[in-house]
Protein backbone atom coordinates (compact mmCIF):
# COMPACT_ATOMS: atom_id res chain seq x y z
CA MET A 1 -7.92 -37.52 0.77
CA SER A 2 -8.39 -34.09 2.48
CA VAL A 3 -8.08 -31.11 0.05
CA PRO A 4 -5.33 -28.50 1.44
CA SER A 5 -6.89 -25.34 2.58
CA PHE A 6 -5.94 -22.15 0.90
CA ARG A 7 -4.03 -21.11 3.95
CA ASP A 8 -2.04 -24.46 3.52
CA ARG A 9 -1.68 -23.90 -0.16
CA LEU A 10 0.00 -20.59 0.71
CA ARG A 11 2.22 -21.86 3.36
CA GLY A 12 3.37 -24.38 1.03
CA ILE A 13 4.55 -22.10 -1.51
CA ARG A 14 8.42 -22.16 -1.77
CA PRO A 15 10.62 -19.50 -3.41
CA ALA A 16 12.39 -20.22 -6.59
CA ASP A 17 15.88 -21.63 -6.21
CA LEU A 18 17.84 -18.42 -7.29
CA GLU A 19 21.40 -17.60 -6.75
CA MET A 20 21.17 -14.39 -4.66
CA PRO A 21 23.67 -11.51 -4.93
CA VAL A 22 26.23 -10.96 -2.02
CA PHE A 23 25.20 -8.14 0.30
CA ASP A 24 28.36 -7.07 2.30
CA THR A 25 26.95 -4.49 4.65
CA ASP A 26 30.34 -3.47 5.81
CA ALA A 27 31.30 -2.26 2.27
CA VAL A 28 28.38 0.00 1.37
CA PRO A 29 28.51 3.62 0.47
CA ALA A 30 27.95 6.46 3.15
CA ASP A 31 25.01 7.72 1.19
CA PRO A 32 21.90 5.38 0.40
CA ILE A 33 21.59 7.21 -3.15
CA GLY A 34 24.95 5.50 -4.03
CA LEU A 35 23.99 2.00 -3.02
CA PHE A 36 20.47 2.28 -4.55
CA LEU A 37 22.20 3.21 -7.87
CA GLU A 38 24.51 0.16 -7.53
CA TRP A 39 21.64 -2.20 -6.92
CA VAL A 40 19.52 -0.87 -9.86
CA ASP A 41 22.76 -1.36 -12.13
CA SER A 42 23.06 -4.93 -10.88
CA ALA A 43 19.34 -5.53 -11.50
CA VAL A 44 19.52 -4.22 -15.04
CA ASP A 45 22.51 -6.34 -15.82
CA ALA A 46 20.93 -9.42 -14.28
CA ALA A 47 17.83 -8.72 -16.58
CA VAL A 48 15.42 -8.28 -13.67
CA SER A 49 11.93 -7.53 -15.01
CA GLN A 50 11.04 -3.85 -14.77
CA PRO A 51 13.40 -2.78 -12.13
CA ASN A 52 12.01 0.57 -12.36
CA ALA A 53 8.57 -0.39 -11.18
CA MET A 54 7.69 0.77 -7.65
CA THR A 55 4.85 0.82 -5.36
CA LEU A 56 3.85 4.43 -4.22
CA SER A 57 2.04 4.52 -0.91
CA THR A 58 0.14 7.59 0.20
CA ALA A 59 -2.42 8.57 2.64
CA THR A 60 -5.17 11.06 3.26
CA PRO A 61 -4.80 13.46 6.35
CA GLY A 62 -7.01 11.24 8.34
CA GLY A 63 -4.54 8.15 7.69
CA VAL A 64 -6.52 6.22 5.10
CA PRO A 65 -3.77 4.75 2.95
CA SER A 66 -3.60 3.82 -0.74
CA ALA A 67 -0.93 2.43 -2.94
CA ARG A 68 -0.46 1.77 -6.52
CA THR A 69 2.51 0.63 -8.79
CA LEU A 70 4.25 3.25 -11.04
CA LEU A 71 7.56 3.86 -12.59
CA LEU A 72 10.59 5.46 -10.97
CA LYS A 73 11.55 8.28 -13.44
CA ASP A 74 15.05 9.34 -11.98
CA VAL A 75 17.17 9.33 -8.66
CA THR A 76 19.27 12.58 -8.03
CA ASP A 77 20.91 14.13 -4.96
CA ASP A 78 17.22 15.54 -4.19
CA GLY A 79 15.70 12.21 -4.17
CA PHE A 80 13.42 9.82 -5.85
CA TRP A 81 11.49 11.27 -8.85
CA PHE A 82 7.95 9.97 -10.32
CA ALA A 83 5.28 11.74 -12.06
CA SER A 84 1.50 12.02 -12.11
CA LEU A 85 -1.39 14.54 -12.54
CA SER A 86 -1.72 16.70 -9.44
CA SER A 87 -5.45 16.26 -10.08
CA ALA A 88 -5.25 12.61 -9.63
CA PRO A 89 -5.99 10.88 -6.37
CA LYS A 90 -2.36 10.45 -5.50
CA GLY A 91 -1.90 13.93 -6.47
CA GLU A 92 -4.67 15.33 -4.22
CA GLU A 93 -3.40 13.14 -1.25
CA LEU A 94 0.10 14.32 -1.63
CA ALA A 95 -1.02 17.93 -1.56
CA GLN A 96 -2.88 17.35 1.82
CA ASN A 97 -0.40 15.00 3.40
CA PRO A 98 3.15 15.13 1.58
CA HIS A 99 4.46 12.21 3.31
CA ALA A 100 4.84 9.06 1.24
CA ALA A 101 6.64 5.71 0.93
CA LEU A 102 8.19 3.79 -1.99
CA THR A 103 8.83 0.11 -2.19
CA LEU A 104 10.83 -1.72 -5.03
CA TYR A 105 11.01 -5.25 -5.15
CA TRP A 106 13.44 -7.51 -7.44
CA ARG A 107 12.18 -11.12 -7.13
CA GLU A 108 15.07 -12.42 -9.20
CA GLN A 109 17.64 -11.08 -6.81
CA GLY A 110 15.80 -11.41 -3.52
CA ARG A 111 15.94 -7.66 -2.98
CA GLN A 112 13.62 -5.06 -1.89
CA VAL A 113 14.20 -1.31 -1.18
CA ARG A 114 12.01 0.70 1.07
CA VAL A 115 12.07 4.42 0.88
CA SER A 116 10.09 6.96 2.97
CA GLY A 117 10.16 10.63 3.24
CA SER A 118 8.34 13.86 2.17
CA VAL A 119 7.25 14.78 -1.44
CA LYS A 120 7.25 17.89 -3.17
CA PRO A 121 6.46 19.17 -6.85
CA GLY A 122 9.60 19.58 -8.99
CA PRO A 123 10.54 22.42 -11.28
CA ARG A 124 7.87 22.89 -14.03
CA ALA A 125 10.51 22.42 -16.67
CA VAL A 126 11.17 18.88 -15.37
CA SER A 127 7.43 18.12 -15.50
CA GLU A 128 7.21 19.21 -19.07
CA GLN A 129 10.12 17.32 -20.17
CA ASP A 130 8.61 14.16 -18.60
CA PHE A 131 5.28 14.52 -20.26
CA LEU A 132 6.66 14.93 -23.76
CA ALA A 133 8.89 12.03 -23.45
CA ARG A 134 5.64 9.80 -23.08
CA HIS A 135 4.18 7.95 -25.88
CA PRO A 136 1.56 9.87 -27.75
CA LEU A 137 -1.17 7.52 -26.76
CA ALA A 138 -0.24 7.92 -23.05
CA ARG A 139 -0.23 11.70 -23.44
CA ALA A 140 -3.71 11.54 -25.10
CA GLN A 141 -5.23 9.26 -22.28
CA ALA A 142 -3.58 11.57 -19.56
CA ILE A 143 -5.56 14.43 -20.89
CA ALA A 144 -8.68 12.81 -22.24
CA GLY A 145 -10.55 12.13 -18.91
CA GLU A 146 -10.02 12.46 -15.19
CA GLN A 147 -7.80 9.71 -13.91
CA SER A 148 -9.43 7.11 -11.70
CA ALA A 149 -12.96 8.21 -12.71
CA THR A 150 -15.43 5.90 -14.07
CA LEU A 151 -14.78 5.11 -17.71
CA PRO A 152 -17.69 6.17 -19.89
CA GLU A 153 -19.61 3.45 -21.63
CA GLY A 154 -19.87 2.82 -25.40
CA ASP A 155 -17.80 4.87 -27.73
CA GLU A 156 -17.59 8.00 -25.69
CA ALA A 157 -13.90 7.10 -24.15
CA ALA A 158 -12.62 6.23 -27.52
CA ALA A 159 -13.97 9.68 -28.90
CA LEU A 160 -12.25 11.51 -25.92
CA VAL A 161 -9.00 9.92 -26.49
CA ALA A 162 -9.25 10.72 -30.24
CA SER A 163 -10.13 14.34 -29.44
CA ALA A 164 -6.98 14.37 -27.22
CA SER A 165 -4.77 12.92 -29.93
CA GLU A 166 -5.98 15.55 -32.27
CA LEU A 167 -4.95 18.28 -29.74
CA ILE A 168 -1.60 16.64 -29.43
CA GLU A 169 -0.99 16.51 -33.08
CA ALA A 170 -1.88 20.10 -33.48
CA ASP A 171 0.33 21.32 -30.63
CA PRO A 172 3.08 18.52 -30.02
CA LEU A 173 4.54 20.55 -27.08
CA PHE A 174 1.17 20.71 -25.44
CA VAL A 175 1.41 19.75 -21.56
CA PRO A 176 -1.36 19.84 -19.20
CA ALA A 177 -0.98 22.24 -16.33
CA ASP A 178 -1.45 19.61 -13.83
CA TRP A 179 1.04 17.21 -15.00
CA THR A 180 3.65 17.23 -12.35
CA ALA A 181 7.02 15.67 -11.59
CA TYR A 182 7.48 14.99 -8.01
CA VAL A 183 10.54 13.96 -5.82
CA LEU A 184 10.44 12.04 -2.70
CA GLU A 185 13.20 13.54 -0.38
CA PRO A 186 14.17 10.54 1.68
CA THR A 187 14.58 10.44 5.37
CA SER A 188 14.80 6.62 5.62
CA VAL A 189 16.11 3.98 2.87
CA GLU A 190 16.07 0.37 3.96
CA PHE A 191 17.77 -2.29 1.92
CA TRP A 192 16.59 -6.01 2.13
CA GLN A 193 18.20 -8.98 0.92
CA ALA A 194 17.20 -12.55 1.08
CA ALA A 195 19.88 -14.97 1.75
CA GLY A 196 18.51 -18.66 1.90
CA HIS A 197 16.24 -18.87 4.93
CA ASP A 198 17.73 -15.83 6.44
CA GLN A 199 17.32 -12.01 5.69
CA ILE A 200 19.98 -9.06 5.76
CA ARG A 201 18.44 -5.60 6.44
CA LEU A 202 20.38 -2.40 6.34
CA ARG A 203 18.44 1.05 7.01
CA TYR A 204 19.88 4.51 6.38
CA ALA A 205 18.27 7.03 8.58
CA ARG A 206 18.83 10.63 7.97
CA VAL A 207 20.46 12.68 10.75
CA ALA A 208 21.75 16.37 11.16
CA GLU A 209 25.19 15.25 9.99
CA GLY A 210 24.00 13.17 7.18
CA TRP A 211 23.04 9.27 7.23
CA ARG A 212 23.32 6.86 10.09
CA ARG A 213 23.50 3.13 8.98
CA GLU A 214 21.99 0.43 11.19
CA ARG A 215 21.40 -3.39 10.71
CA LEU A 216 17.89 -4.45 11.53
CA TRP A 217 16.57 -7.68 12.90
CA PRO A 218 14.83 -9.98 10.17
C-alpha cells in the first residue's frame, strides 16, 4: 500500500462541518467599519477564539515583505488600531513604507477580513494609555531588551526583565518613548465568507465620495 505524499495529505484535508453565518451583501452598511463591528460582535457572541488576533503585513521600501500576528486594539472612524515599539522591525518598516495590510480570520465562522491602507502614529496620549493597560510583565519585557534581537544566553535575559520590573514598580506611569499606537487608515476592506463549497466576497473601496461596494469572483 502506497503512502500518501505530503501534497496528497494536504489536499485530503476537509474543513470542519460548521454552520456558517448568513452573509447578505444586499443588506450591509454603507461604511465598512459598521459591517466590521457587526462581524466582530457576531464572532464574540459565537465564542470565536481570539477574534481580535490579526496578521499585520508590512514591507521594506524595496518590497521585501514580513508578517506577524498581533492584537487589534480598537476600531474608530480613523481606522484600525494596533501598538508596537517604533524601534521594532515593524515600526522601522512602517516609518520607511507606511503602506500595510491586516488580515483577520475566524475559522469557526468561515470568515476573513482583509484591510489595506496607510499607517500613521496616533496621539501620544493613546500610546501611553495602551502601554499602561498592559500586564506589568508585558511592560517589563517591552523595555528590557530590543524587540526581535537575539535573546541573551544564561540568566542575562531574566536579569534584564527583573531590572525593568523594578523600574516599573518605582514609576508605575513610565512609558517608553518609542511605544506607539498606530492607526491604519483603510483604503480597501474586503469581507470573505465561506458558504459550503462557495465563497462570498464583498469589497469596500474608498472613493472621493465615500465607499464603493463591489462583489468579487471567488
